[in-house]
């Protein structure tokens, strides 16, 4: 991208039935929001807060999440209709940065 990125260890909450496919094929941003929505952008959502990630999985007592190394470069606040970040950005976030949304397969 032409700018420095930091690597963060972030959580991704998902349904138990998705774990095998994610492990085999990586996250698929094209499936954005199929479980709980895409409030901060139409990509793959991650959070630095494990408890927050539990909101995105099954609505049962048993929670599933993946810990991933995620590259975060230039970021801006995202919105539900953000399909890709504006030019010069690679990540969208929630205002308080409790959610990071990624759009490029090679960054997580």
Foldseek 3Di string as FASTA:
>chain_A
DPFDWDKDWWKAWEEPVCVVVCVVPNDDLVCAQVQPADAFESGGKTFRDPVVNQVRYDPDPDTDMDTDIFIATDEETGGRPHHADPPPGAWHAHPVRRMIGGHDRVGD
